[in-house]
């Protein structure tokens, strides 16, 4: 396993990968105590995140390998299909994942998304348009949605 850290506008992100794919991007709540152990994927991911936060990148190209159940994988795949600058509801994601009534389970899968931003769970909103649940906090969700809205064109 490899790991590095990226100082983003929403806080310090920990990036973890294997030789083949990024497996995790999480928001740290305290300063990292370990030293980075980078590989090309973690460096590429940092570069793509920097471009995203600068408004220059709308899609990511680093390979992803989140660990989760079959249902979670379906949810995360559907979430990755939400276009930059757009949102979809938990119900819409449940439908895309093949379980139209499982919007609460979609919410739980979304909350357990191990790869923040690249699997853009911040683009999933409540059926009434409200910003609900985000593992990195509602303020960060709002920030990411506003960043994308501003740079959509």
N, C-alpha and C. Protein backbone atom coordinates (compact mmCIF):
# COMPACT_ATOMS: atom_id res chain seq x y z
N UNK A 1 0.83 -1.20 0.00
CA UNK A 1 0.00 0.00 0.00
C UNK A 1 0.87 1.26 0.00
N UNK A 2 0.38 2.26 -0.71
CA UNK A 2 1.05 3.55 -0.78
C UNK A 2 0.08 4.59 -0.24
N UNK A 3 0.63 5.69 0.23
CA UNK A 3 -0.23 6.76 0.72
C UNK A 3 0.51 8.10 0.62
N UNK A 4 -0.30 9.13 0.49
CA UNK A 4 0.24 10.48 0.51
C UNK A 4 -0.84 11.40 1.03
N UNK A 5 -0.53 12.67 1.13
CA UNK A 5 -1.47 13.64 1.68
C UNK A 5 -1.54 14.83 0.73
N UNK A 6 -2.74 15.40 0.64
CA UNK A 6 -2.94 16.57 -0.22
C UNK A 6 -3.67 17.63 0.60
N UNK A 7 -3.08 18.82 0.66
CA UNK A 7 -3.71 19.94 1.36
C UNK A 7 -4.71 20.59 0.42
N UNK A 8 -5.98 20.30 0.61
CA UNK A 8 -7.04 20.83 -0.26
C UNK A 8 -7.76 21.98 0.43
N UNK A 9 -8.58 22.71 -0.31
CA UNK A 9 -9.37 23.78 0.31
C UNK A 9 -10.36 23.29 1.36
N UNK A 10 -10.68 21.98 1.37
CA UNK A 10 -11.61 21.47 2.38
C UNK A 10 -10.87 20.77 3.53
N UNK A 11 -9.55 20.74 3.47
CA UNK A 11 -8.76 20.10 4.52
C UNK A 11 -7.75 19.12 3.94
N UNK A 12 -7.04 18.44 4.82
CA UNK A 12 -6.02 17.48 4.39
C UNK A 12 -6.68 16.18 3.96
N UNK A 13 -6.40 15.78 2.72
CA UNK A 13 -6.93 14.53 2.19
C UNK A 13 -5.83 13.48 2.23
N UNK A 14 -6.17 12.29 2.72
CA UNK A 14 -5.27 11.14 2.68
C UNK A 14 -5.62 10.33 1.45
N UNK A 15 -4.64 10.03 0.63
CA UNK A 15 -4.82 9.26 -0.60
C UNK A 15 -4.08 7.94 -0.42
N UNK A 16 -4.78 6.83 -0.64
CA UNK A 16 -4.15 5.51 -0.52
C UNK A 16 -4.35 4.76 -1.83
N UNK A 17 -3.33 3.98 -2.20
CA UNK A 17 -3.43 3.20 -3.43
C UNK A 17 -2.62 1.91 -3.33
N UNK A 18 -2.93 1.02 -4.24
CA UNK A 18 -2.09 -0.15 -4.50
C UNK A 18 -1.25 0.21 -5.71
N UNK A 19 -0.58 -0.77 -6.29
CA UNK A 19 0.14 -0.52 -7.54
C UNK A 19 -0.82 -0.30 -8.70
N UNK A 20 -2.07 -0.79 -8.55
CA UNK A 20 -3.03 -0.77 -9.67
C UNK A 20 -4.06 0.34 -9.61
N UNK A 21 -4.46 0.77 -8.40
CA UNK A 21 -5.59 1.70 -8.32
C UNK A 21 -5.61 2.44 -6.99
N UNK A 22 -6.29 3.58 -7.01
CA UNK A 22 -6.56 4.35 -5.79
C UNK A 22 -7.66 3.60 -5.03
N UNK A 23 -7.43 3.37 -3.75
CA UNK A 23 -8.39 2.63 -2.93
C UNK A 23 -9.12 3.51 -1.91
N UNK A 24 -8.56 4.68 -1.62
CA UNK A 24 -9.18 5.53 -0.61
C UNK A 24 -8.72 6.97 -0.75
N UNK A 25 -9.68 7.87 -0.57
CA UNK A 25 -9.40 9.29 -0.35
C UNK A 25 -10.30 9.70 0.80
N UNK A 26 -9.70 10.12 1.89
CA UNK A 26 -10.49 10.49 3.06
C UNK A 26 -10.00 11.83 3.60
N UNK A 27 -10.90 12.50 4.28
CA UNK A 27 -10.59 13.78 4.91
C UNK A 27 -10.07 13.50 6.32
N UNK A 28 -8.87 13.96 6.61
CA UNK A 28 -8.29 13.75 7.92
C UNK A 28 -8.84 14.76 8.92
N UNK A 29 -8.99 14.32 10.15
CA UNK A 29 -9.47 15.21 11.20
C UNK A 29 -8.32 15.76 12.04
N UNK A 30 -7.13 15.18 11.84
CA UNK A 30 -5.94 15.70 12.52
C UNK A 30 -4.74 15.55 11.57
N UNK A 31 -3.67 16.22 11.91
CA UNK A 31 -2.48 16.17 11.05
C UNK A 31 -1.93 14.74 11.00
N UNK A 32 -1.49 14.31 9.80
CA UNK A 32 -0.95 12.95 9.68
C UNK A 32 0.34 12.79 10.49
N UNK A 33 0.48 11.61 11.06
CA UNK A 33 1.68 11.31 11.85
C UNK A 33 2.67 10.47 11.06
N UNK A 34 2.21 9.92 9.95
CA UNK A 34 3.08 9.07 9.13
C UNK A 34 3.64 9.86 7.96
N UNK A 35 4.77 9.42 7.46
CA UNK A 35 5.37 10.05 6.29
C UNK A 35 4.79 9.45 5.03
N UNK A 36 4.67 10.24 3.97
CA UNK A 36 4.13 9.70 2.71
C UNK A 36 4.98 8.55 2.17
N UNK A 37 4.33 7.61 1.57
CA UNK A 37 4.99 6.54 0.82
C UNK A 37 4.28 6.52 -0.54
N UNK A 38 4.78 7.32 -1.46
CA UNK A 38 4.09 7.58 -2.72
C UNK A 38 4.47 6.58 -3.81
N UNK A 39 3.58 6.48 -4.79
CA UNK A 39 3.86 5.83 -6.06
C UNK A 39 3.29 6.72 -7.15
N UNK A 40 3.41 6.30 -8.39
CA UNK A 40 2.94 7.14 -9.49
C UNK A 40 1.44 7.45 -9.37
N UNK A 41 0.66 6.48 -8.92
CA UNK A 41 -0.79 6.70 -8.79
C UNK A 41 -1.12 7.75 -7.74
N UNK A 42 -0.45 7.72 -6.60
CA UNK A 42 -0.76 8.73 -5.58
C UNK A 42 -0.33 10.12 -6.06
N UNK A 43 0.79 10.18 -6.78
CA UNK A 43 1.23 11.48 -7.34
C UNK A 43 0.25 11.96 -8.41
N UNK A 44 -0.19 11.05 -9.28
CA UNK A 44 -1.17 11.43 -10.32
C UNK A 44 -2.48 11.88 -9.69
N UNK A 45 -2.89 11.21 -8.64
CA UNK A 45 -4.13 11.57 -7.96
C UNK A 45 -4.03 12.97 -7.34
N UNK A 46 -2.91 13.27 -6.69
CA UNK A 46 -2.70 14.61 -6.13
C UNK A 46 -2.78 15.67 -7.23
N UNK A 47 -2.16 15.38 -8.37
CA UNK A 47 -2.18 16.33 -9.50
C UNK A 47 -3.61 16.55 -9.99
N UNK A 48 -4.36 15.46 -10.14
CA UNK A 48 -5.74 15.58 -10.62
C UNK A 48 -6.62 16.32 -9.60
N UNK A 49 -6.41 16.07 -8.33
CA UNK A 49 -7.16 16.80 -7.31
C UNK A 49 -6.83 18.29 -7.34
N UNK A 50 -5.56 18.63 -7.50
CA UNK A 50 -5.17 20.04 -7.59
C UNK A 50 -5.87 20.70 -8.78
N UNK A 51 -5.89 20.02 -9.92
CA UNK A 51 -6.56 20.56 -11.11
C UNK A 51 -8.06 20.70 -10.87
N UNK A 52 -8.66 19.75 -10.18
CA UNK A 52 -10.09 19.82 -9.84
C UNK A 52 -10.37 21.06 -9.00
N UNK A 53 -9.59 21.26 -7.94
CA UNK A 53 -9.83 22.40 -7.06
C UNK A 53 -9.53 23.73 -7.74
N UNK A 54 -8.71 23.72 -8.79
CA UNK A 54 -8.45 24.93 -9.57
C UNK A 54 -9.54 25.16 -10.62
N UNK A 55 -10.49 24.24 -10.73
CA UNK A 55 -11.57 24.36 -11.70
C UNK A 55 -11.16 23.93 -13.10
N UNK A 56 -10.03 23.26 -13.24
CA UNK A 56 -9.51 22.87 -14.56
C UNK A 56 -9.83 21.42 -14.91
N UNK A 57 -10.25 20.62 -13.96
CA UNK A 57 -10.52 19.20 -14.22
C UNK A 57 -11.96 18.88 -13.83
N UNK A 58 -12.65 18.22 -14.78
CA UNK A 58 -14.04 17.84 -14.54
C UNK A 58 -14.23 16.34 -14.46
N UNK A 59 -13.26 15.58 -14.93
CA UNK A 59 -13.29 14.12 -14.82
C UNK A 59 -11.91 13.65 -14.35
N UNK A 60 -11.91 12.48 -13.75
CA UNK A 60 -10.66 11.92 -13.23
C UNK A 60 -10.28 10.68 -14.04
N UNK A 61 -8.98 10.47 -14.18
CA UNK A 61 -8.51 9.35 -15.00
C UNK A 61 -7.78 8.28 -14.20
N UNK A 62 -7.43 8.54 -12.93
CA UNK A 62 -6.74 7.52 -12.16
C UNK A 62 -7.71 6.35 -11.92
N UNK A 63 -7.20 5.12 -12.02
CA UNK A 63 -8.07 3.96 -11.78
C UNK A 63 -8.46 3.88 -10.30
N UNK A 64 -9.69 3.43 -10.06
CA UNK A 64 -10.22 3.34 -8.70
C UNK A 64 -10.55 1.89 -8.35
N UNK A 65 -10.36 1.53 -7.09
CA UNK A 65 -10.71 0.19 -6.61
C UNK A 65 -11.24 0.30 -5.18
N UNK A 66 -12.45 0.86 -5.03
CA UNK A 66 -13.02 0.93 -3.69
C UNK A 66 -13.45 -0.45 -3.21
N UNK A 67 -13.26 -0.72 -1.93
CA UNK A 67 -13.69 -1.99 -1.37
C UNK A 67 -15.09 -1.82 -0.79
N UNK A 68 -16.00 -2.71 -1.19
CA UNK A 68 -17.36 -2.65 -0.68
C UNK A 68 -18.19 -3.82 -1.19
N UNK A 69 -19.43 -3.88 -0.72
CA UNK A 69 -20.34 -4.94 -1.13
C UNK A 69 -20.75 -4.75 -2.59
N UNK A 70 -21.42 -5.74 -3.14
CA UNK A 70 -21.91 -5.65 -4.52
C UNK A 70 -22.85 -4.45 -4.65
N UNK A 71 -23.76 -4.27 -3.67
CA UNK A 71 -24.68 -3.14 -3.72
C UNK A 71 -23.93 -1.81 -3.64
N UNK A 72 -22.98 -1.71 -2.72
CA UNK A 72 -22.20 -0.47 -2.62
C UNK A 72 -21.49 -0.17 -3.93
N UNK A 73 -20.91 -1.18 -4.56
CA UNK A 73 -20.22 -0.99 -5.85
C UNK A 73 -21.19 -0.43 -6.90
N UNK A 74 -22.42 -0.95 -6.93
CA UNK A 74 -23.43 -0.45 -7.88
C UNK A 74 -23.75 1.02 -7.60
N UNK A 75 -23.90 1.34 -6.32
CA UNK A 75 -24.20 2.73 -5.94
C UNK A 75 -23.04 3.64 -6.34
N UNK A 76 -21.82 3.26 -6.00
CA UNK A 76 -20.67 4.11 -6.29
C UNK A 76 -20.47 4.28 -7.79
N UNK A 77 -20.76 3.23 -8.57
CA UNK A 77 -20.67 3.34 -10.03
C UNK A 77 -21.70 4.36 -10.53
N UNK A 78 -22.93 4.28 -10.02
CA UNK A 78 -23.98 5.24 -10.42
C UNK A 78 -23.59 6.66 -10.02
N UNK A 79 -23.00 6.82 -8.85
CA UNK A 79 -22.57 8.14 -8.39
C UNK A 79 -21.47 8.70 -9.30
N UNK A 80 -20.55 7.84 -9.72
CA UNK A 80 -19.47 8.31 -10.62
C UNK A 80 -20.01 8.75 -11.99
N UNK A 81 -21.22 8.34 -12.32
CA UNK A 81 -21.83 8.73 -13.60
C UNK A 81 -22.55 10.07 -13.53
N UNK A 82 -22.68 10.66 -12.34
CA UNK A 82 -23.32 11.98 -12.23
C UNK A 82 -22.36 13.00 -12.85
N UNK A 83 -22.83 13.74 -13.85
CA UNK A 83 -21.93 14.70 -14.51
C UNK A 83 -21.46 15.81 -13.55
N UNK A 84 -20.28 16.31 -13.83
CA UNK A 84 -19.69 17.44 -13.11
C UNK A 84 -20.69 18.59 -13.07
N UNK A 85 -20.86 19.18 -11.91
CA UNK A 85 -21.73 20.34 -11.78
C UNK A 85 -23.20 20.00 -11.69
N UNK A 86 -23.56 18.72 -11.68
CA UNK A 86 -24.96 18.29 -11.60
C UNK A 86 -25.19 17.54 -10.29
N UNK A 87 -26.44 17.37 -9.94
CA UNK A 87 -26.79 16.59 -8.76
C UNK A 87 -27.88 15.58 -9.12
N UNK A 88 -27.99 14.56 -8.31
CA UNK A 88 -29.08 13.59 -8.41
C UNK A 88 -29.52 13.24 -7.00
N UNK A 89 -30.74 12.77 -6.89
CA UNK A 89 -31.26 12.42 -5.57
C UNK A 89 -30.89 10.98 -5.21
N UNK A 90 -31.04 10.68 -3.92
CA UNK A 90 -30.80 9.32 -3.44
C UNK A 90 -31.72 8.35 -4.18
N UNK A 91 -32.97 8.76 -4.42
CA UNK A 91 -33.92 7.92 -5.15
C UNK A 91 -33.47 7.64 -6.58
N UNK A 92 -32.94 8.65 -7.24
CA UNK A 92 -32.44 8.45 -8.61
C UNK A 92 -31.26 7.48 -8.63
N UNK A 93 -30.39 7.58 -7.65
CA UNK A 93 -29.25 6.67 -7.57
C UNK A 93 -29.75 5.25 -7.25
N UNK A 94 -30.74 5.13 -6.37
CA UNK A 94 -31.30 3.81 -6.05
C UNK A 94 -31.84 3.15 -7.32
N UNK A 95 -32.53 3.94 -8.12
CA UNK A 95 -33.06 3.42 -9.38
C UNK A 95 -31.94 2.94 -10.30
N UNK A 96 -30.91 3.76 -10.45
CA UNK A 96 -29.76 3.38 -11.31
C UNK A 96 -29.04 2.15 -10.78
N UNK A 97 -29.04 1.97 -9.46
CA UNK A 97 -28.37 0.82 -8.86
C UNK A 97 -29.24 -0.44 -8.92
N UNK A 98 -30.45 -0.30 -9.47
CA UNK A 98 -31.32 -1.46 -9.64
C UNK A 98 -32.20 -1.77 -8.44
N UNK A 99 -32.27 -0.87 -7.48
CA UNK A 99 -33.09 -1.07 -6.29
C UNK A 99 -33.87 0.20 -6.00
N UNK A 100 -34.93 0.47 -6.78
CA UNK A 100 -35.62 1.77 -6.72
C UNK A 100 -36.14 2.19 -5.34
N UNK A 101 -36.41 1.24 -4.47
CA UNK A 101 -36.94 1.62 -3.15
C UNK A 101 -35.86 1.70 -2.08
N UNK A 102 -34.62 1.47 -2.47
CA UNK A 102 -33.53 1.39 -1.49
C UNK A 102 -32.80 2.72 -1.30
N UNK A 103 -33.53 3.83 -1.33
CA UNK A 103 -32.86 5.12 -1.22
C UNK A 103 -32.15 5.30 0.11
N UNK A 104 -32.67 4.69 1.18
CA UNK A 104 -31.96 4.79 2.48
C UNK A 104 -30.67 3.99 2.45
N UNK A 105 -30.71 2.82 1.82
CA UNK A 105 -29.49 2.01 1.68
C UNK A 105 -28.48 2.74 0.81
N UNK A 106 -28.97 3.49 -0.19
CA UNK A 106 -28.09 4.31 -1.02
C UNK A 106 -27.42 5.36 -0.16
N UNK A 107 -28.18 5.96 0.75
CA UNK A 107 -27.62 6.96 1.66
C UNK A 107 -26.50 6.36 2.51
N UNK A 108 -26.70 5.15 2.99
CA UNK A 108 -25.68 4.49 3.81
C UNK A 108 -24.45 4.15 2.96
N UNK A 109 -24.68 3.63 1.75
CA UNK A 109 -23.55 3.32 0.85
C UNK A 109 -22.79 4.59 0.50
N UNK A 110 -23.53 5.66 0.25
CA UNK A 110 -22.91 6.93 -0.07
C UNK A 110 -22.04 7.41 1.11
N UNK A 111 -22.56 7.25 2.32
CA UNK A 111 -21.83 7.66 3.52
C UNK A 111 -20.56 6.84 3.71
N UNK A 112 -20.56 5.60 3.22
CA UNK A 112 -19.41 4.71 3.38
C UNK A 112 -18.48 4.73 2.17
N UNK A 113 -18.71 5.65 1.25
CA UNK A 113 -17.86 5.79 0.08
C UNK A 113 -16.41 6.04 0.52
N UNK A 114 -15.49 5.15 0.14
CA UNK A 114 -14.10 5.32 0.60
C UNK A 114 -13.26 6.27 -0.25
N UNK A 115 -13.82 6.74 -1.37
CA UNK A 115 -13.01 7.56 -2.28
C UNK A 115 -13.72 8.90 -2.52
N UNK A 116 -13.55 9.81 -1.56
CA UNK A 116 -14.18 11.13 -1.67
C UNK A 116 -13.75 11.83 -2.96
N UNK A 117 -14.62 12.65 -3.47
CA UNK A 117 -14.44 13.54 -4.62
C UNK A 117 -14.37 12.76 -5.93
N UNK A 118 -13.50 11.77 -6.06
CA UNK A 118 -13.41 11.00 -7.31
C UNK A 118 -14.65 10.14 -7.51
N UNK A 119 -15.23 9.64 -6.42
CA UNK A 119 -16.59 9.08 -6.44
C UNK A 119 -17.41 10.18 -5.80
N UNK A 120 -18.02 11.04 -6.63
CA UNK A 120 -18.54 12.33 -6.15
C UNK A 120 -19.86 12.23 -5.38
N UNK A 121 -19.81 11.61 -4.20
CA UNK A 121 -21.01 11.47 -3.39
C UNK A 121 -21.55 12.83 -2.93
N UNK A 122 -20.74 13.87 -3.05
CA UNK A 122 -21.23 15.21 -2.72
C UNK A 122 -22.32 15.67 -3.70
N UNK A 123 -22.43 15.00 -4.85
CA UNK A 123 -23.44 15.36 -5.86
C UNK A 123 -24.79 14.71 -5.60
N UNK A 124 -24.90 13.93 -4.54
CA UNK A 124 -26.18 13.28 -4.21
C UNK A 124 -26.88 14.11 -3.15
N UNK A 125 -28.14 14.47 -3.44
CA UNK A 125 -28.89 15.37 -2.57
C UNK A 125 -30.24 14.74 -2.21
N UNK A 126 -30.91 15.35 -1.24
CA UNK A 126 -32.23 14.90 -0.84
C UNK A 126 -33.26 15.15 -1.93
N UNK A 127 -34.38 14.46 -1.86
CA UNK A 127 -35.43 14.57 -2.89
C UNK A 127 -36.01 15.98 -2.95
N UNK A 128 -35.90 16.74 -1.87
CA UNK A 128 -36.40 18.12 -1.86
C UNK A 128 -35.31 19.13 -2.21
N UNK A 129 -34.14 18.63 -2.65
CA UNK A 129 -33.05 19.51 -3.04
C UNK A 129 -32.12 19.88 -1.90
N UNK A 130 -32.38 19.34 -0.71
CA UNK A 130 -31.56 19.70 0.45
C UNK A 130 -30.21 18.98 0.42
N UNK A 131 -29.24 19.62 1.03
CA UNK A 131 -27.92 19.01 1.16
C UNK A 131 -27.92 18.17 2.43
N UNK A 132 -28.05 16.87 2.24
CA UNK A 132 -28.09 15.98 3.39
C UNK A 132 -26.86 15.10 3.40
N UNK A 133 -26.48 14.67 4.57
CA UNK A 133 -25.42 13.72 4.80
C UNK A 133 -24.22 13.78 3.88
N UNK A 134 -23.08 14.05 4.42
CA UNK A 134 -21.82 13.97 3.69
C UNK A 134 -20.74 13.67 4.71
N UNK A 135 -20.00 12.59 4.50
CA UNK A 135 -19.01 12.15 5.48
C UNK A 135 -18.00 13.25 5.81
N UNK A 136 -17.72 14.12 4.86
CA UNK A 136 -16.75 15.19 5.08
C UNK A 136 -17.42 16.48 5.57
N UNK A 137 -18.72 16.42 5.87
CA UNK A 137 -19.43 17.58 6.41
C UNK A 137 -20.22 18.34 5.36
N UNK A 138 -21.35 18.88 5.78
CA UNK A 138 -22.25 19.61 4.88
C UNK A 138 -21.58 20.86 4.31
N UNK A 139 -20.79 21.56 5.11
CA UNK A 139 -20.11 22.76 4.59
C UNK A 139 -19.18 22.40 3.44
N UNK A 140 -18.48 21.28 3.55
CA UNK A 140 -17.60 20.84 2.46
C UNK A 140 -18.40 20.40 1.24
N UNK A 141 -19.53 19.77 1.49
CA UNK A 141 -20.41 19.37 0.37
C UNK A 141 -20.85 20.63 -0.39
N UNK A 142 -21.29 21.62 0.35
CA UNK A 142 -21.72 22.89 -0.26
C UNK A 142 -20.57 23.53 -1.04
N UNK A 143 -19.37 23.53 -0.44
CA UNK A 143 -18.20 24.10 -1.10
C UNK A 143 -17.93 23.39 -2.44
N UNK A 144 -17.95 22.06 -2.45
CA UNK A 144 -17.66 21.30 -3.67
C UNK A 144 -18.72 21.55 -4.74
N UNK A 145 -19.99 21.58 -4.34
CA UNK A 145 -21.06 21.84 -5.31
C UNK A 145 -20.95 23.25 -5.89
N UNK A 146 -20.61 24.23 -5.06
CA UNK A 146 -20.45 25.61 -5.54
C UNK A 146 -19.23 25.72 -6.46
N UNK A 147 -18.14 25.04 -6.11
CA UNK A 147 -16.95 25.01 -6.96
C UNK A 147 -17.30 24.48 -8.35
N UNK A 148 -18.04 23.39 -8.39
CA UNK A 148 -18.41 22.78 -9.68
C UNK A 148 -19.39 23.66 -10.44
N UNK A 149 -20.34 24.26 -9.74
CA UNK A 149 -21.32 25.13 -10.41
C UNK A 149 -20.59 26.31 -11.05
N UNK A 150 -19.63 26.88 -10.33
CA UNK A 150 -18.87 28.04 -10.81
C UNK A 150 -18.02 27.68 -12.04
N UNK A 151 -17.50 26.46 -12.11
CA UNK A 151 -16.59 26.07 -13.18
C UNK A 151 -17.22 25.13 -14.20
N UNK A 152 -18.53 25.01 -14.17
CA UNK A 152 -19.22 24.04 -15.03
C UNK A 152 -19.00 24.28 -16.51
N UNK A 153 -19.02 25.51 -16.91
CA UNK A 153 -18.90 25.82 -18.36
C UNK A 153 -17.49 25.74 -18.85
